[in-house]
Amino acid sequence: MLAAQSQTRACESRQQYQQKQLQKCKEVESEAPQQEQAGGGSSAPPTLSGIPALMLLLCSALHLIT
């Protein structure tokens, strides 16, 4: 039980860190000048958009393991 609580706290801490990093990236991205692609109007999805979902899956998996 204590190990599960410890892992949960560690996972929550990692998730908070990832959220802060994501926020920093979004701030930098919004400050950067907008550049349009010459080939077309389509843009690639942000590469960091799936991190919160990934962290949630990781935490759930760790919780199920313990």
N, C-alpha and C. Protein backbone atom coordinates (compact mmCIF):
# COMPACT_ATOMS: atom_id res chain seq x y z
N MET A 1 0.83 -1.19 0.00
CA MET A 1 0.00 0.00 0.00
C MET A 1 0.87 1.25 0.00
N LEU A 2 1.92 1.26 0.84
CA LEU A 2 2.80 2.42 0.89
C LEU A 2 3.55 2.61 -0.43
N ALA A 3 3.92 1.50 -1.05
CA ALA A 3 4.63 1.59 -2.32
C ALA A 3 3.73 2.20 -3.39
N ALA A 4 2.47 1.81 -3.38
CA ALA A 4 1.53 2.36 -4.36
C ALA A 4 1.33 3.85 -4.15
N GLN A 5 1.22 4.27 -2.90
CA GLN A 5 1.07 5.70 -2.61
C GLN A 5 2.31 6.47 -3.03
N SER A 6 3.47 5.88 -2.78
CA SER A 6 4.72 6.53 -3.17
C SER A 6 4.81 6.68 -4.68
N GLN A 7 4.45 5.64 -5.40
CA GLN A 7 4.48 5.70 -6.86
C GLN A 7 3.46 6.68 -7.39
N THR A 8 2.30 6.74 -6.75
CA THR A 8 1.28 7.69 -7.17
C THR A 8 1.77 9.12 -6.99
N ARG A 9 2.39 9.40 -5.85
CA ARG A 9 2.93 10.75 -5.60
C ARG A 9 4.03 11.08 -6.61
N ALA A 10 4.90 10.11 -6.89
CA ALA A 10 5.96 10.34 -7.86
C ALA A 10 5.38 10.60 -9.25
N CYS A 11 4.36 9.86 -9.59
CA CYS A 11 3.71 10.04 -10.89
C CYS A 11 3.05 11.41 -10.98
N GLU A 12 2.38 11.82 -9.91
CA GLU A 12 1.74 13.14 -9.90
C GLU A 12 2.79 14.24 -10.00
N SER A 13 3.92 14.03 -9.34
CA SER A 13 5.00 15.01 -9.41
C SER A 13 5.54 15.12 -10.84
N ARG A 14 5.74 13.97 -11.48
CA ARG A 14 6.20 13.98 -12.88
C ARG A 14 5.17 14.64 -13.78
N GLN A 15 3.90 14.39 -13.51
CA GLN A 15 2.85 14.98 -14.33
C GLN A 15 2.84 16.50 -14.18
N GLN A 16 3.03 17.00 -12.95
CA GLN A 16 3.08 18.44 -12.73
C GLN A 16 4.27 19.04 -13.46
N TYR A 17 5.42 18.36 -13.41
CA TYR A 17 6.61 18.83 -14.10
C TYR A 17 6.35 18.90 -15.61
N GLN A 18 5.73 17.86 -16.15
CA GLN A 18 5.44 17.83 -17.58
C GLN A 18 4.47 18.95 -17.96
N GLN A 19 3.49 19.21 -17.10
CA GLN A 19 2.55 20.30 -17.37
C GLN A 19 3.27 21.64 -17.41
N LYS A 20 4.22 21.85 -16.48
CA LYS A 20 4.98 23.10 -16.46
C LYS A 20 5.83 23.22 -17.72
N GLN A 21 6.46 22.12 -18.12
CA GLN A 21 7.28 22.14 -19.33
C GLN A 21 6.41 22.43 -20.56
N LEU A 22 5.23 21.83 -20.60
CA LEU A 22 4.32 22.07 -21.72
C LEU A 22 3.90 23.53 -21.76
N GLN A 23 3.62 24.10 -20.60
CA GLN A 23 3.23 25.51 -20.54
C GLN A 23 4.37 26.40 -21.04
N LYS A 24 5.61 26.08 -20.65
CA LYS A 24 6.77 26.85 -21.12
C LYS A 24 6.87 26.77 -22.64
N CYS A 25 6.67 25.58 -23.18
CA CYS A 25 6.76 25.40 -24.63
C CYS A 25 5.67 26.20 -25.34
N LYS A 26 4.47 26.20 -24.78
CA LYS A 26 3.38 26.96 -25.39
C LYS A 26 3.68 28.46 -25.35
N GLU A 27 4.28 28.94 -24.25
CA GLU A 27 4.62 30.35 -24.16
C GLU A 27 5.67 30.72 -25.20
N VAL A 28 6.68 29.88 -25.34
CA VAL A 28 7.73 30.14 -26.33
C VAL A 28 7.14 30.11 -27.73
N GLU A 29 6.26 29.15 -27.97
CA GLU A 29 5.64 29.02 -29.28
C GLU A 29 4.79 30.25 -29.62
N SER A 30 4.09 30.78 -28.63
CA SER A 30 3.25 31.95 -28.89
C SER A 30 4.08 33.21 -29.09
N GLU A 31 5.28 33.26 -28.51
CA GLU A 31 6.15 34.41 -28.69
C GLU A 31 6.90 34.38 -30.02
N ALA A 32 7.08 33.19 -30.56
CA ALA A 32 7.81 33.05 -31.82
C ALA A 32 6.98 33.63 -32.96
N PRO A 33 7.63 34.23 -33.95
CA PRO A 33 6.88 34.77 -35.09
C PRO A 33 6.21 33.64 -35.86
N GLN A 34 5.00 33.92 -36.31
CA GLN A 34 4.25 32.92 -37.06
C GLN A 34 4.83 32.81 -38.47
N GLN A 35 5.17 31.60 -38.85
CA GLN A 35 5.73 31.37 -40.18
C GLN A 35 4.78 30.47 -40.95
N GLU A 36 4.41 30.90 -42.13
CA GLU A 36 3.52 30.10 -42.96
C GLU A 36 4.35 29.21 -43.86
N GLN A 37 3.83 28.03 -44.11
CA GLN A 37 4.52 27.11 -45.01
C GLN A 37 4.22 27.52 -46.44
N ALA A 38 5.25 27.50 -47.28
CA ALA A 38 5.07 27.90 -48.67
C ALA A 38 4.30 26.84 -49.46
N GLY A 39 4.38 25.58 -49.04
CA GLY A 39 3.74 24.50 -49.79
C GLY A 39 2.24 24.42 -49.62
N GLY A 40 1.68 24.94 -48.56
CA GLY A 40 0.24 24.83 -48.36
C GLY A 40 -0.17 25.38 -47.02
N GLY A 41 -1.47 25.34 -46.75
CA GLY A 41 -1.99 25.90 -45.52
C GLY A 41 -2.10 24.91 -44.38
N SER A 42 -1.78 23.64 -44.62
CA SER A 42 -1.92 22.66 -43.55
C SER A 42 -0.75 22.77 -42.58
N SER A 43 -1.05 22.58 -41.31
CA SER A 43 0.00 22.64 -40.31
C SER A 43 0.02 21.34 -39.53
N ALA A 44 1.18 20.95 -39.07
CA ALA A 44 1.33 19.73 -38.30
C ALA A 44 0.79 19.95 -36.88
N PRO A 45 0.22 18.92 -36.26
CA PRO A 45 -0.26 19.08 -34.89
C PRO A 45 0.92 19.27 -33.94
N PRO A 46 0.71 19.95 -32.84
CA PRO A 46 1.80 20.16 -31.89
C PRO A 46 2.33 18.81 -31.39
N THR A 47 3.63 18.71 -31.29
CA THR A 47 4.23 17.44 -30.91
C THR A 47 4.05 17.14 -29.43
N LEU A 48 3.79 18.13 -28.61
CA LEU A 48 3.67 17.92 -27.17
C LEU A 48 2.22 17.81 -26.71
N SER A 49 1.27 17.78 -27.64
CA SER A 49 -0.13 17.79 -27.25
C SER A 49 -0.55 16.49 -26.55
N GLY A 50 0.14 15.40 -26.79
CA GLY A 50 -0.25 14.12 -26.20
C GLY A 50 0.42 13.80 -24.88
N ILE A 51 1.28 14.68 -24.38
CA ILE A 51 2.01 14.38 -23.15
C ILE A 51 1.09 14.21 -21.95
N PRO A 52 0.11 15.09 -21.72
CA PRO A 52 -0.76 14.86 -20.56
C PRO A 52 -1.49 13.52 -20.61
N ALA A 53 -1.97 13.14 -21.78
CA ALA A 53 -2.65 11.85 -21.91
C ALA A 53 -1.68 10.70 -21.69
N LEU A 54 -0.47 10.84 -22.20
CA LEU A 54 0.54 9.81 -22.00
C LEU A 54 0.88 9.66 -20.53
N MET A 55 1.01 10.77 -19.82
CA MET A 55 1.31 10.71 -18.39
C MET A 55 0.17 10.05 -17.63
N LEU A 56 -1.06 10.34 -18.01
CA LEU A 56 -2.21 9.71 -17.36
C LEU A 56 -2.19 8.20 -17.58
N LEU A 57 -1.89 7.78 -18.79
CA LEU A 57 -1.80 6.35 -19.07
C LEU A 57 -0.67 5.70 -18.28
N LEU A 58 0.46 6.37 -18.18
CA LEU A 58 1.58 5.84 -17.43
C LEU A 58 1.22 5.69 -15.96
N CYS A 59 0.60 6.72 -15.40
CA CYS A 59 0.19 6.66 -13.99
C CYS A 59 -0.82 5.54 -13.76
N SER A 60 -1.75 5.39 -14.67
CA SER A 60 -2.75 4.32 -14.54
C SER A 60 -2.08 2.95 -14.59
N ALA A 61 -1.14 2.79 -15.49
CA ALA A 61 -0.44 1.52 -15.60
C ALA A 61 0.35 1.21 -14.34
N LEU A 62 1.05 2.21 -13.81
CA LEU A 62 1.80 2.00 -12.56
C LEU A 62 0.86 1.66 -11.41
N HIS A 63 -0.28 2.31 -11.39
CA HIS A 63 -1.24 2.05 -10.32
C HIS A 63 -1.78 0.62 -10.41
N LEU A 64 -2.02 0.14 -11.62
CA LEU A 64 -2.53 -1.21 -11.80
C LEU A 64 -1.48 -2.26 -11.47
N ILE A 65 -0.22 -1.94 -11.74
CA ILE A 65 0.86 -2.89 -11.48
C ILE A 65 1.04 -3.11 -9.99
N THR A 66 0.90 -2.05 -9.21
CA THR A 66 1.16 -2.17 -7.77
C THR A 66 -0.08 -2.59 -7.01
